[in-house]
Amino acid sequence: MKSSHAVTVLGRELSVRSSASEAKVRAVEEFVNRKLQEIGGALRSSDAQLVLMLALLNTSEELLELRSRLEQDSRVDNRISTMIRALEAV
């Protein structure tokens, strides 16, 4: 069941609906604000839209890298499982 949660991003309060726990929503809120501060602090511009776009691009790159690693790990796990079955059959 989804619940409404109030979160603040870039000083703006938003109401979001989520089936995640309150703690999870707070963790996401903290992550987003930390990422925005990190990127905003590295820029001379205080353009909120630019900071948001760069944070989205940065976070998307991290997500795609993690997905790629997960796929590689899965392939390795499958190969190991195949080897174990072959050894057990001997």
PDB file of N, CA and C in Angstrom:
ATOM      1  N   MET A   1       0.837  -1.171   0.000  1.00  0.00           N
ATOM      2  CA  MET A   1       0.000   0.000   0.000  1.00  0.00           C
ATOM      3  C   MET A   1       0.892   1.247   0.000  1.00  0.00           C
ATOM      4  N   LYS A   2       0.569   2.183  -0.854  1.00  0.00           N
ATOM      5  CA  LYS A   2       1.364   3.403  -0.950  1.00  0.00           C
ATOM      6  C   LYS A   2       0.900   4.416   0.084  1.00  0.00           C
ATOM      7  N   SER A   3       1.893   5.102   0.645  1.00  0.00           N
ATOM      8  CA  SER A   3       1.628   6.165   1.610  1.00  0.00           C
ATOM      9  C   SER A   3       2.231   7.459   1.088  1.00  0.00           C
ATOM     10  N   SER A   4       1.686   8.573   1.542  1.00  0.00           N
ATOM     11  CA  SER A   4       2.239   9.875   1.184  1.00  0.00           C
ATOM     12  C   SER A   4       3.366  10.226   2.148  1.00  0.00           C
ATOM     13  N   HIS A   5       4.409  10.813   1.586  1.00  0.00           N
ATOM     14  CA  HIS A   5       5.558  11.242   2.378  1.00  0.00           C
ATOM     15  C   HIS A   5       5.933  12.650   1.927  1.00  0.00           C
ATOM     16  N   ALA A   6       6.272  13.488   2.871  1.00  0.00           N
ATOM     17  CA  ALA A   6       6.775  14.825   2.557  1.00  0.00           C
ATOM     18  C   ALA A   6       8.291  14.760   2.513  1.00  0.00           C
ATOM     19  N   VAL A   7       8.870  15.167   1.391  1.00  0.00           N
ATOM     20  CA  VAL A   7      10.325  15.218   1.255  1.00  0.00           C
ATOM     21  C   VAL A   7      10.712  16.624   0.817  1.00  0.00           C
ATOM     22  N   THR A   8      11.935  17.009   1.133  1.00  0.00           N
ATOM     23  CA  THR A   8      12.430  18.320   0.743  1.00  0.00           C
ATOM     24  C   THR A   8      13.657  18.135  -0.129  1.00  0.00           C
ATOM     25  N   VAL A   9      13.607  18.711  -1.338  1.00  0.00           N
ATOM     26  CA  VAL A   9      14.708  18.640  -2.291  1.00  0.00           C
ATOM     27  C   VAL A   9      14.980  20.054  -2.772  1.00  0.00           C
ATOM     28  N   LEU A  10      16.224  20.472  -2.657  1.00  0.00           N
ATOM     29  CA  LEU A  10      16.620  21.839  -3.026  1.00  0.00           C
ATOM     30  C   LEU A  10      15.750  22.880  -2.328  1.00  0.00           C
ATOM     31  N   GLY A  11      15.406  22.598  -1.080  1.00  0.00           N
ATOM     32  CA  GLY A  11      14.630  23.534  -0.286  1.00  0.00           C
ATOM     33  C   GLY A  11      13.148  23.557  -0.612  1.00  0.00           C
ATOM     34  N   ARG A  12      12.726  22.701  -1.517  1.00  0.00           N
ATOM     35  CA  ARG A  12      11.316  22.664  -1.920  1.00  0.00           C
ATOM     36  C   ARG A  12      10.667  21.402  -1.373  1.00  0.00           C
ATOM     37  N   GLU A  13       9.561  21.568  -0.644  1.00  0.00           N
ATOM     38  CA  GLU A  13       8.861  20.419  -0.079  1.00  0.00           C
ATOM     39  C   GLU A  13       7.952  19.806  -1.134  1.00  0.00           C
ATOM     40  N   LEU A  14       8.045  18.500  -1.239  1.00  0.00           N
ATOM     41  CA  LEU A  14       7.245  17.744  -2.197  1.00  0.00           C
ATOM     42  C   LEU A  14       6.495  16.642  -1.467  1.00  0.00           C
ATOM     43  N   SER A  15       5.338  16.297  -1.962  1.00  0.00           N
ATOM     44  CA  SER A  15       4.596  15.162  -1.432  1.00  0.00           C
ATOM     45  C   SER A  15       4.750  14.028  -2.435  1.00  0.00           C
ATOM     46  N   VAL A  16       5.270  12.899  -1.974  1.00  0.00           N
ATOM     47  CA  VAL A  16       5.452  11.741  -2.849  1.00  0.00           C
ATOM     48  C   VAL A  16       4.698  10.550  -2.269  1.00  0.00           C
ATOM     49  N   ARG A  17       4.227   9.692  -3.163  1.00  0.00           N
ATOM     50  CA  ARG A  17       3.561   8.476  -2.731  1.00  0.00           C
ATOM     51  C   ARG A  17       4.512   7.312  -2.999  1.00  0.00           C
ATOM     52  N   SER A  18       4.659   6.445  -2.012  1.00  0.00           N
ATOM     53  CA  SER A  18       5.579   5.328  -2.141  1.00  0.00           C
ATOM     54  C   SER A  18       5.120   4.173  -1.270  1.00  0.00           C
ATOM     55  N   SER A  19       5.407   2.967  -1.732  1.00  0.00           N
ATOM     56  CA  SER A  19       5.138   1.785  -0.921  1.00  0.00           C
ATOM     57  C   SER A  19       6.336   1.466  -0.021  1.00  0.00           C
ATOM     58  N   ALA A  20       7.412   2.237  -0.172  1.00  0.00           N
ATOM     59  CA  ALA A  20       8.607   2.035   0.655  1.00  0.00           C
ATOM     60  C   ALA A  20       8.350   2.539   2.074  1.00  0.00           C
ATOM     61  N   SER A  21       9.150   2.037   2.993  1.00  0.00           N
ATOM     62  CA  SER A  21       9.036   2.465   4.387  1.00  0.00           C
ATOM     63  C   SER A  21       9.470   3.924   4.526  1.00  0.00           C
ATOM     64  N   GLU A  22       9.078   4.525   5.628  1.00  0.00           N
ATOM     65  CA  GLU A  22       9.474   5.903   5.924  1.00  0.00           C
ATOM     66  C   GLU A  22      10.996   6.022   5.937  1.00  0.00           C
ATOM     67  N   ALA A  23      11.671   5.045   6.523  1.00  0.00           N
ATOM     68  CA  ALA A  23      13.143   5.073   6.598  1.00  0.00           C
ATOM     69  C   ALA A  23      13.758   5.034   5.199  1.00  0.00           C
ATOM     70  N   LYS A  24      13.191   4.242   4.316  1.00  0.00           N
ATOM     71  CA  LYS A  24      13.709   4.140   2.948  1.00  0.00           C
ATOM     72  C   LYS A  24      13.502   5.460   2.203  1.00  0.00           C
ATOM     73  N   VAL A  25      12.329   6.063   2.371  1.00  0.00           N
ATOM     74  CA  VAL A  25      12.051   7.354   1.730  1.00  0.00           C
ATOM     75  C   VAL A  25      13.039   8.404   2.228  1.00  0.00           C
ATOM     76  N   ARG A  26      13.320   8.418   3.533  1.00  0.00           N
ATOM     77  CA  ARG A  26      14.283   9.377   4.098  1.00  0.00           C
ATOM     78  C   ARG A  26      15.678   9.115   3.539  1.00  0.00           C
ATOM     79  N   ALA A  27      16.037   7.842   3.388  1.00  0.00           N
ATOM     80  CA  ALA A  27      17.357   7.511   2.845  1.00  0.00           C
ATOM     81  C   ALA A  27      17.482   8.014   1.400  1.00  0.00           C
ATOM     82  N   VAL A  28      16.426   7.867   0.609  1.00  0.00           N
ATOM     83  CA  VAL A  28      16.435   8.364  -0.770  1.00  0.00           C
ATOM     84  C   VAL A  28      16.530   9.887  -0.773  1.00  0.00           C
ATOM     85  N   GLU A  29      15.751  10.530   0.086  1.00  0.00           N
ATOM     86  CA  GLU A  29      15.779  11.994   0.194  1.00  0.00           C
ATOM     87  C   GLU A  29      17.190  12.474   0.541  1.00  0.00           C
ATOM     88  N   GLU A  30      17.831  11.826   1.499  1.00  0.00           N
ATOM     89  CA  GLU A  30      19.191  12.208   1.900  1.00  0.00           C
ATOM     90  C   GLU A  30      20.187  11.987   0.763  1.00  0.00           C
ATOM     91  N   PHE A  31      20.044  10.861   0.053  1.00  0.00           N
ATOM     92  CA  PHE A  31      20.929  10.563  -1.066  1.00  0.00           C
ATOM     93  C   PHE A  31      20.823  11.644  -2.138  1.00  0.00           C
ATOM     94  N   VAL A  32      19.583  11.987  -2.503  1.00  0.00           N
ATOM     95  CA  VAL A  32      19.349  12.990  -3.539  1.00  0.00           C
ATOM     96  C   VAL A  32      19.927  14.334  -3.118  1.00  0.00           C
ATOM     97  N   ASN A  33      19.644  14.759  -1.909  1.00  0.00           N
ATOM     98  CA  ASN A  33      20.156  16.051  -1.450  1.00  0.00           C
ATOM     99  C   ASN A  33      21.677  16.069  -1.359  1.00  0.00           C
ATOM    100  N   ARG A  34      22.264  14.971  -0.933  1.00  0.00           N
ATOM    101  CA  ARG A  34      23.732  14.883  -0.858  1.00  0.00           C
ATOM    102  C   ARG A  34      24.340  14.985  -2.260  1.00  0.00           C
ATOM    103  N   LYS A  35      23.744  14.280  -3.227  1.00  0.00           N
ATOM    104  CA  LYS A  35      24.232  14.311  -4.604  1.00  0.00           C
ATOM    105  C   LYS A  35      24.096  15.716  -5.192  1.00  0.00           C
ATOM    106  N   LEU A  36      22.972  16.378  -4.920  1.00  0.00           N
ATOM    107  CA  LEU A  36      22.763  17.733  -5.424  1.00  0.00           C
ATOM    108  C   LEU A  36      23.748  18.717  -4.806  1.00  0.00           C
ATOM    109  N   GLN A  37      24.026  18.573  -3.517  1.00  0.00           N
ATOM    110  CA  GLN A  37      25.001  19.443  -2.859  1.00  0.00           C
ATOM    111  C   GLN A  37      26.397  19.210  -3.418  1.00  0.00           C
ATOM    112  N   GLU A  38      26.732  17.952  -3.644  1.00  0.00           N
ATOM    113  CA  GLU A  38      28.046  17.600  -4.180  1.00  0.00           C
ATOM    114  C   GLU A  38      28.252  18.235  -5.559  1.00  0.00           C
ATOM    115  N   ILE A  39      27.275  18.109  -6.415  1.00  0.00           N
ATOM    116  CA  ILE A  39      27.390  18.647  -7.768  1.00  0.00           C
ATOM    117  C   ILE A  39      27.259  20.166  -7.756  1.00  0.00           C
ATOM    118  N   GLY A  40      26.315  20.679  -6.994  1.00  0.00           N
ATOM    119  CA  GLY A  40      26.125  22.130  -6.907  1.00  0.00           C
ATOM    120  C   GLY A  40      27.347  22.829  -6.356  1.00  0.00           C
ATOM    121  N   GLY A  41      28.042  22.190  -5.416  1.00  0.00           N
ATOM    122  CA  GLY A  41      29.248  22.778  -4.837  1.00  0.00           C
ATOM    123  C   GLY A  41      30.411  22.836  -5.804  1.00  0.00           C
ATOM    124  N   ALA A  42      30.367  21.984  -6.833  1.00  0.00           N
ATOM    125  CA  ALA A  42      31.459  21.943  -7.806  1.00  0.00           C
ATOM    126  C   ALA A  42      31.229  22.910  -8.966  1.00  0.00           C
ATOM    127  N   LEU A  43      30.057  23.534  -9.001  1.00  0.00           N
ATOM    128  CA  LEU A  43      29.725  24.445 -10.096  1.00  0.00           C
ATOM    129  C   LEU A  43      29.810  25.901  -9.651  1.00  0.00           C
ATOM    130  N   ARG A  44      30.130  26.755 -10.589  1.00  0.00           N
ATOM    131  CA  ARG A  44      30.082  28.190 -10.310  1.00  0.00           C
ATOM    132  C   ARG A  44      28.649  28.700 -10.414  1.00  0.00           C
ATOM    133  N   SER A  45      27.873  28.035 -11.247  1.00  0.00           N
ATOM    134  CA  SER A  45      26.488  28.433 -11.474  1.00  0.00           C
ATOM    135  C   SER A  45      25.597  27.906 -10.351  1.00  0.00           C
ATOM    136  N   SER A  46      24.590  28.667  -9.997  1.00  0.00           N
ATOM    137  CA  SER A  46      23.628  28.198  -8.995  1.00  0.00           C
ATOM    138  C   SER A  46      22.305  27.840  -9.669  1.00  0.00           C
ATOM    139  N   ASP A  47      22.357  27.558 -10.970  1.00  0.00           N
ATOM    140  CA  ASP A  47      21.181  27.196 -11.749  1.00  0.00           C
ATOM    141  C   ASP A  47      20.678  25.821 -11.286  1.00  0.00           C
ATOM    142  N   ALA A  48      19.531  25.817 -10.606  1.00  0.00           N
ATOM    143  CA  ALA A  48      18.984  24.574 -10.039  1.00  0.00           C
ATOM    144  C   ALA A  48      18.710  23.534 -11.111  1.00  0.00           C
ATOM    145  N   GLN A  49      18.227  23.977 -12.270  1.00  0.00           N
ATOM    146  CA  GLN A  49      17.923  23.030 -13.341  1.00  0.00           C
ATOM    147  C   GLN A  49      19.197  22.353 -13.844  1.00  0.00           C
ATOM    148  N   LEU A  50      20.279  23.102 -13.972  1.00  0.00           N
ATOM    149  CA  LEU A  50      21.556  22.531 -14.399  1.00  0.00           C
ATOM    150  C   LEU A  50      22.058  21.532 -13.367  1.00  0.00           C
ATOM    151  N   VAL A  51      21.980  21.887 -12.096  1.00  0.00           N
ATOM    152  CA  VAL A  51      22.410  20.989 -11.025  1.00  0.00           C
ATOM    153  C   VAL A  51      21.586  19.698 -11.063  1.00  0.00           C
ATOM    154  N   LEU A  52      20.273  19.817 -11.231  1.00  0.00           N
ATOM    155  CA  LEU A  52      19.404  18.636 -11.303  1.00  0.00           C
ATOM    156  C   LEU A  52      19.759  17.749 -12.495  1.00  0.00           C
ATOM    157  N   MET A  53      19.978  18.359 -13.666  1.00  0.00           N
ATOM    158  CA  MET A  53      20.309  17.569 -14.860  1.00  0.00           C
ATOM    159  C   MET A  53      21.641  16.848 -14.687  1.00  0.00           C
ATOM    160  N   LEU A  54      22.635  17.543 -14.151  1.00  0.00           N
ATOM    161  CA  LEU A  54      23.941  16.913 -13.953  1.00  0.00           C
ATOM    162  C   LEU A  54      23.859  15.795 -12.917  1.00  0.00           C
ATOM    163  N   ALA A  55      23.070  16.001 -11.871  1.00  0.00           N
ATOM    164  CA  ALA A  55      22.894  14.954 -10.856  1.00  0.00           C
ATOM    165  C   ALA A  55      22.193  13.742 -11.458  1.00  0.00           C
ATOM    166  N   LEU A  56      21.199  13.983 -12.294  1.00  0.00           N
ATOM    167  CA  LEU A  56      20.490  12.881 -12.950  1.00  0.00           C
ATOM    168  C   LEU A  56      21.428  12.108 -13.864  1.00  0.00           C
ATOM    169  N   LEU A  57      22.218  12.819 -14.652  1.00  0.00           N
ATOM    170  CA  LEU A  57      23.178  12.150 -15.529  1.00  0.00           C
ATOM    171  C   LEU A  57      24.205  11.347 -14.734  1.00  0.00           C
ATOM    172  N   ASN A  58      24.719  11.944 -13.664  1.00  0.00           N
ATOM    173  CA  ASN A  58      25.714  11.285 -12.827  1.00  0.00           C
ATOM    174  C   ASN A  58      25.146  10.018 -12.184  1.00  0.00           C
ATOM    175  N   THR A  59      23.955  10.140 -11.631  1.00  0.00           N
ATOM    176  CA  THR A  59      23.316   9.005 -10.956  1.00  0.00           C
ATOM    177  C   THR A  59      22.956   7.912 -11.966  1.00  0.00           C
ATOM    178  N   SER A  60      22.527   8.311 -13.162  1.00  0.00           N
ATOM    179  CA  SER A  60      22.206   7.333 -14.206  1.00  0.00           C
ATOM    180  C   SER A  60      23.450   6.562 -14.632  1.00  0.00           C
ATOM    181  N   GLU A  61      24.561   7.268 -14.743  1.00  0.00           N
ATOM    182  CA  GLU A  61      25.817   6.602 -15.099  1.00  0.00           C
ATOM    183  C   GLU A  61      26.188   5.572 -14.027  1.00  0.00           C
ATOM    184  N   GLU A  62      26.052   5.944 -12.760  1.00  0.00           N
ATOM    185  CA  GLU A  62      26.351   5.014 -11.670  1.00  0.00           C
ATOM    186  C   GLU A  62      25.427   3.797 -11.718  1.00  0.00           C
ATOM    187  N   LEU A  63      24.140   4.029 -11.978  1.00  0.00           N
ATOM    188  CA  LEU A  63      23.174   2.932 -12.061  1.00  0.00           C
ATOM    189  C   LEU A  63      23.532   1.975 -13.190  1.00  0.00           C
ATOM    190  N   LEU A  64      23.846   2.523 -14.369  1.00  0.00           N
ATOM    191  CA  LEU A  64      24.192   1.669 -15.502  1.00  0.00           C
ATOM    192  C   LEU A  64      25.462   0.871 -15.237  1.00  0.00           C
ATOM    193  N   GLU A  65      26.431   1.477 -14.570  1.00  0.00           N
ATOM    194  CA  GLU A  65      27.663   0.761 -14.214  1.00  0.00           C
ATOM    195  C   GLU A  65      27.355  -0.382 -13.254  1.00  0.00           C
ATOM    196  N   LEU A  66      26.512  -0.127 -12.261  1.00  0.00           N
ATOM    197  CA  LEU A  66      26.142  -1.180 -11.309  1.00  0.00           C
ATOM    198  C   LEU A  66      25.382  -2.311 -11.994  1.00  0.00           C
ATOM    199  N   ARG A  67      24.499  -1.973 -12.923  1.00  0.00           N
ATOM    200  CA  ARG A  67      23.762  -3.007 -13.669  1.00  0.00           C
ATOM    201  C   ARG A  67      24.717  -3.856 -14.490  1.00  0.00           C
ATOM    202  N   SER A  68      25.695  -3.206 -15.110  1.00  0.00           N
ATOM    203  CA  SER A  68      26.680  -3.928 -15.903  1.00  0.00           C
ATOM    204  C   SER A  68      27.474  -4.888 -15.027  1.00  0.00           C
ATOM    205  N   ARG A  69      27.901  -4.411 -13.859  1.00  0.00           N
ATOM    206  CA  ARG A  69      28.636  -5.278 -12.932  1.00  0.00           C
ATOM    207  C   ARG A  69      27.778  -6.448 -12.464  1.00  0.00           C
ATOM    208  N   LEU A  70      26.501  -6.189 -12.210  1.00  0.00           N
ATOM    209  CA  LEU A  70      25.591  -7.242 -11.775  1.00  0.00           C
ATOM    210  C   LEU A  70      25.451  -8.304 -12.859  1.00  0.00           C
ATOM    211  N   GLU A  71      25.329  -7.881 -14.126  1.00  0.00           N
ATOM    212  CA  GLU A  71      25.245  -8.829 -15.229  1.00  0.00           C
ATOM    213  C   GLU A  71      26.524  -9.655 -15.331  1.00  0.00           C
ATOM    214  N   GLN A  72      27.684  -9.011 -15.186  1.00  0.00           N
ATOM    215  CA  GLN A  72      28.953  -9.730 -15.235  1.00  0.00           C
ATOM    216  C   GLN A  72      29.042 -10.732 -14.093  1.00  0.00           C
ATOM    217  N   ASP A  73      28.658 -10.301 -12.891  1.00  0.00           N
ATOM    218  CA  ASP A  73      28.683 -11.196 -11.735  1.00  0.00           C
ATOM    219  C   ASP A  73      27.759 -12.384 -11.951  1.00  0.00           C
ATOM    220  N   SER A  74      26.618 -12.146 -12.561  1.00  0.00           N
ATOM    221  CA  SER A  74      25.651 -13.204 -12.820  1.00  0.00           C
ATOM    222  C   SER A  74      26.227 -14.223 -13.800  1.00  0.00           C
ATOM    223  N   ARG A  75      26.912 -13.729 -14.830  1.00  0.00           N
ATOM    224  CA  ARG A  75      27.535 -14.648 -15.799  1.00  0.00           C
ATOM    225  C   ARG A  75      28.623 -15.476 -15.121  1.00  0.00           C
ATOM    226  N   VAL A  76      29.409 -14.853 -14.263  1.00  0.00           N
ATOM    227  CA  VAL A  76      30.458 -15.583 -13.538  1.00  0.00           C
ATOM    228  C   VAL A  76      29.822 -16.632 -12.620  1.00  0.00           C
ATOM    229  N   ASP A  77      28.765 -16.242 -11.901  1.00  0.00           N
ATOM    230  CA  ASP A  77      28.065 -17.190 -11.024  1.00  0.00           C
ATOM    231  C   ASP A  77      27.537 -18.383 -11.812  1.00  0.00           C
ATOM    232  N   ASN A  78      26.994 -18.120 -12.993  1.00  0.00           N
ATOM    233  CA  ASN A  78      26.478 -19.215 -13.826  1.00  0.00           C
ATOM    234  C   ASN A  78      27.594 -20.146 -14.270  1.00  0.00           C
ATOM    235  N   ARG A  79      28.729 -19.582 -14.636  1.00  0.00           N
ATOM    236  CA  ARG A  79      29.867 -20.423 -15.051  1.00  0.00           C
ATOM    237  C   ARG A  79      30.374 -21.263 -13.881  1.00  0.00           C
ATOM    238  N   ILE A  80      30.454 -20.656 -12.707  1.00  0.00           N
ATOM    239  CA  ILE A  80      30.903 -21.388 -11.522  1.00  0.00           C
ATOM    240  C   ILE A  80      29.930 -22.518 -11.208  1.00  0.00           C
ATOM    241  N   SER A  81      28.648 -22.238 -11.285  1.00  0.00           N
ATOM    242  CA  SER A  81      27.632 -23.279 -11.023  1.00  0.00           C
ATOM    243  C   SER A  81      27.756 -24.421 -12.020  1.00  0.00           C
ATOM    244  N   THR A  82      27.995 -24.084 -13.280  1.00  0.00           N
ATOM    245  CA  THR A  82      28.171 -25.114 -14.307  1.00  0.00           C
ATOM    246  C   THR A  82      29.392 -25.971 -13.999  1.00  0.00           C
ATOM    247  N   MET A  83      30.483 -25.337 -13.590  1.00  0.00           N
ATOM    248  CA  MET A  83      31.705 -26.079 -13.250  1.00  0.00           C
ATOM    249  C   MET A  83      31.483 -26.980 -12.044  1.00  0.00           C
ATOM    250  N   ILE A  84      30.785 -26.481 -11.053  1.00  0.00           N
ATOM    251  CA  ILE A  84      30.516 -27.279  -9.853  1.00  0.00           C
ATOM    252  C   ILE A  84      29.677 -28.500 -10.214  1.00  0.00           C
ATOM    253  N   ARG A  85      28.653 -28.298 -11.028  1.00  0.00           N
ATOM    254  CA  ARG A  85      27.817 -29.451 -11.447  1.00  0.00           C
ATOM    255  C   ARG A  85      28.643 -30.466 -12.205  1.00  0.00           C
ATOM    256  N   ALA A  86      29.548 -29.980 -13.070  1.00  0.00           N
ATOM    257  CA  ALA A  86      30.403 -30.893 -13.853  1.00  0.00           C
ATOM    258  C   ALA A  86      31.327 -31.674 -12.929  1.00  0.00           C
ATOM    259  N   LEU A  87      31.870 -30.994 -11.925  1.00  0.00           N
ATOM    260  CA  LEU A  87      32.761 -31.676 -10.975  1.00  0.00           C
ATOM    261  C   LEU A  87      32.007 -32.690 -10.127  1.00  0.00           C
ATOM    262  N   GLU A  88      30.802 -32.338  -9.742  1.00  0.00           N
ATOM    263  CA  GLU A  88      29.989 -33.236  -8.921  1.00  0.00           C
ATOM    264  C   GLU A  88      29.554 -34.466  -9.709  1.00  0.00           C
ATOM    265  N   ALA A  89      29.458 -34.343 -11.039  1.00  0.00           N
ATOM    266  CA  ALA A  89      29.052 -35.455 -11.887  1.00  0.00           C
ATOM    267  C   ALA A  89      30.177 -36.468 -12.090  1.00  0.00           C
ATOM    268  N   VAL A  90      31.404 -36.052 -11.784  1.00  0.00           N
ATOM    269  CA  VAL A  90      32.568 -36.930 -11.995  1.00  0.00           C
ATOM    270  C   VAL A  90      32.651 -37.969 -10.922  1.00  0.00           C
TER     271      VAL A  90
END
